[in-house]
Structure formats: structure tokens, C-alpha cells
Amino acid sequence: CEIRMYIEPELAALAAANAGLADMDEMQRLADGVVPLYHVDGDHAPGDVQLHLQTAKSTDNRVAPKLIGIGSTSSPLFIQPTHRVPKNETNTTHQEVIDAIRTRNARQAKQAMTRHIEFNRERLLELPD
């Protein structure tokens, strides 16, 4: 989560400045697609990674999507071993990031992504060794 904390909040802020309408719509589509998987205990990790990847693509920076590969491996590690999916918090923070990007509020996008990653970090720290 430490690497993600350095990279992804900044990418969310950059996406707020640069995302096009189609980018925003795709982020929303991906977020909406993950929600039903929580309710049936489905594997939401691939959709979650795609959402974070789309956020990076929305920065209009060629390097940004490549950086997501660094942090995306932590999502399945967090989700798979415990099946303790942070459903409501994840949905809420995903939507907060998207809403901030839609309103072009870089500060709020950065803060929402920071909360999202911090929540995941806290859940990881709760896992037994």
C-alpha cells in the first residue's frame, strides 16, 4: 500500500484535471460493475484493478497506466486470502474519487483516493501473520 499511497492520489488529482467525459463515464461504468460482485461474494479484484487503471489512463499521461501495475498486485492479495471485502467503504471511496474527478476537484480526488488506500492499508494490518 505504501507505493500506492505515493502514486495513486496524485494520479487521481491529475485525472481531475485531464479526464475527458468518456473517461469519466468509463470509470463510473467500472465502479458500477464492481458493486454487484460484493453482494454475491464474487471476485471483484479484476474490476477494481481496471477501475484504478482507468483512473490512471484518464490522466492523459502515457506513463501513469504503467505505474498501476506496481500497486495493482496488492488488491488480490488483500481480497483473496480473507474474503473480508471492504464493501461499503470501497464503494463509497470509489464513488468519491469519481465524483471529485467529474467536478474537476483535484484536491478532493486526491483526498478520496488517499482515504481509499488508507482503508485498504488498515485492513491489511489487521490480517494475521
Protein backbone atom coordinates (compact mmCIF):
# COMPACT_ATOMS: atom_id res chain seq x y z
CA CYS A 1 0.00 0.00 0.00
CA GLU A 2 2.92 2.36 0.57
CA ILE A 3 3.76 2.53 -3.14
CA ARG A 4 0.10 3.04 -4.00
CA MET A 5 -0.12 5.86 -1.45
CA TYR A 6 2.65 7.75 -3.22
CA ILE A 7 1.29 7.25 -6.72
CA GLU A 8 -2.49 6.88 -6.87
CA PRO A 9 -3.66 10.03 -5.02
CA GLU A 10 -1.52 12.10 -7.38
CA LEU A 11 -2.94 10.24 -10.36
CA ALA A 12 -6.49 10.92 -9.14
CA ALA A 13 -5.66 14.63 -8.88
CA LEU A 14 -4.18 14.60 -12.37
CA ALA A 15 -7.24 12.77 -13.69
CA ALA A 16 -9.43 15.52 -12.21
CA ALA A 17 -7.56 17.99 -14.37
CA ASN A 18 -7.34 15.93 -17.57
CA ALA A 19 -10.09 13.30 -17.78
CA GLY A 20 -12.49 13.54 -20.68
CA LEU A 21 -16.19 12.83 -20.42
CA ALA A 22 -15.70 9.35 -21.92
CA ASP A 23 -13.01 8.63 -19.30
CA MET A 24 -15.35 9.65 -16.51
CA ASP A 25 -18.17 7.56 -17.92
CA GLU A 26 -15.87 4.53 -18.14
CA MET A 27 -14.75 4.98 -14.52
CA GLN A 28 -18.40 5.07 -13.46
CA ARG A 29 -19.23 2.01 -15.56
CA LEU A 30 -16.36 0.07 -13.97
CA ALA A 31 -17.28 1.16 -10.43
CA ASP A 32 -20.92 0.25 -11.02
CA GLY A 33 -19.84 -3.15 -12.37
CA VAL A 34 -17.91 -3.99 -9.21
CA VAL A 35 -20.77 -3.23 -6.79
CA PRO A 36 -22.95 -6.30 -7.61
CA LEU A 37 -19.96 -8.60 -7.15
CA TYR A 38 -19.76 -7.61 -3.49
CA HIS A 39 -23.31 -8.76 -2.90
CA VAL A 40 -22.72 -12.26 -4.28
CA ASP A 41 -19.19 -12.65 -2.88
CA GLY A 42 -17.87 -12.52 -6.42
CA ASP A 43 -14.27 -11.82 -7.33
CA HIS A 44 -14.19 -8.07 -7.63
CA ALA A 45 -10.38 -7.76 -7.76
CA PRO A 46 -10.11 -7.63 -11.59
CA GLY A 47 -12.79 -4.95 -11.82
CA ASP A 48 -11.17 -2.96 -9.04
CA VAL A 49 -7.82 -3.07 -10.80
CA GLN A 50 -9.48 -1.98 -14.07
CA LEU A 51 -11.06 0.98 -12.29
CA HIS A 52 -7.70 2.09 -10.93
CA LEU A 53 -6.15 1.56 -14.34
CA GLN A 54 -8.86 3.69 -15.98
CA THR A 55 -8.20 6.45 -13.47
CA ALA A 56 -4.53 6.37 -14.48
CA LYS A 57 -5.42 6.39 -18.19
CA SER A 58 -7.62 9.41 -17.54
CA THR A 59 -4.59 11.46 -16.51
CA ASP A 60 -3.63 11.75 -20.18
CA ASN A 61 -0.11 10.74 -19.18
CA ARG A 62 1.45 7.80 -21.02
CA VAL A 63 3.46 6.59 -18.02
CA ALA A 64 0.62 6.67 -15.48
CA PRO A 65 -1.13 3.42 -16.55
CA LYS A 66 2.16 1.56 -16.36
CA LEU A 67 2.55 2.68 -12.74
CA ILE A 68 -0.71 1.00 -11.74
CA GLY A 69 0.92 -2.38 -12.34
CA ILE A 70 3.17 -1.66 -9.38
CA GLY A 71 0.31 -1.38 -6.91
CA SER A 72 -2.39 -3.48 -8.52
CA THR A 73 -0.94 -6.73 -7.25
CA SER A 74 -1.79 -5.75 -3.68
CA SER A 75 -5.54 -5.76 -4.35
CA PRO A 76 -5.87 -9.51 -4.95
CA LEU A 77 -3.51 -10.22 -2.06
CA PHE A 78 -5.79 -8.22 0.19
CA ILE A 79 -9.07 -9.61 -1.10
CA GLN A 80 -8.36 -13.28 -1.77
CA PRO A 81 -6.90 -14.67 1.48
CA THR A 82 -9.58 -13.37 3.79
CA HIS A 83 -12.71 -12.88 1.71
CA ARG A 84 -13.24 -9.93 4.03
CA VAL A 85 -14.23 -7.50 1.35
CA PRO A 86 -14.42 -3.85 2.42
CA LYS A 87 -17.71 -3.49 0.57
CA ASN A 88 -19.25 -0.24 1.71
CA GLU A 89 -16.03 1.64 2.30
CA THR A 90 -14.64 0.60 -1.08
CA ASN A 91 -17.83 1.55 -2.92
CA THR A 92 -18.03 4.87 -1.10
CA THR A 93 -14.43 5.88 -1.69
CA HIS A 94 -14.50 4.76 -5.33
CA GLN A 95 -17.55 6.96 -5.87
CA GLU A 96 -15.96 9.88 -4.02
CA VAL A 97 -12.93 9.69 -6.33
CA ILE A 98 -15.12 9.59 -9.43
CA ASP A 99 -17.33 12.44 -8.21
CA ALA A 100 -14.29 14.61 -7.50
CA ILE A 101 -12.86 13.86 -10.94
CA ARG A 102 -16.22 14.72 -12.55
CA THR A 103 -16.25 18.09 -10.79
CA ARG A 104 -12.59 18.69 -11.66
CA ASN A 105 -11.69 18.97 -7.98
CA ALA A 106 -8.12 17.71 -7.83
CA ARG A 107 -7.79 18.23 -4.07
CA GLN A 108 -10.91 16.17 -3.31
CA ALA A 109 -9.88 13.46 -5.79
CA LYS A 110 -6.51 13.17 -4.09
CA GLN A 111 -8.09 13.08 -0.62
CA ALA A 112 -10.66 10.46 -1.62
CA MET A 113 -8.01 8.21 -3.16
CA THR A 114 -5.86 8.65 -0.06
CA ARG A 115 -8.80 7.55 2.14
CA HIS A 116 -9.41 4.55 -0.14
CA ILE A 117 -5.82 3.36 0.05
CA GLU A 118 -5.53 4.08 3.77
CA PHE A 119 -8.61 1.97 4.43
CA ASN A 120 -7.05 -0.91 2.49
CA ARG A 121 -3.79 -0.47 4.37
CA GLU A 122 -5.61 -0.67 7.70
CA ARG A 123 -7.36 -3.89 6.64
CA LEU A 124 -4.01 -5.40 5.60
CA LEU A 125 -2.54 -4.59 9.00
CA GLU A 126 -5.42 -6.50 10.64
CA LEU A 127 -4.58 -9.72 8.78
CA PRO A 128 -2.93 -12.44 10.85
CA ASP A 129 0.72 -13.08 10.05
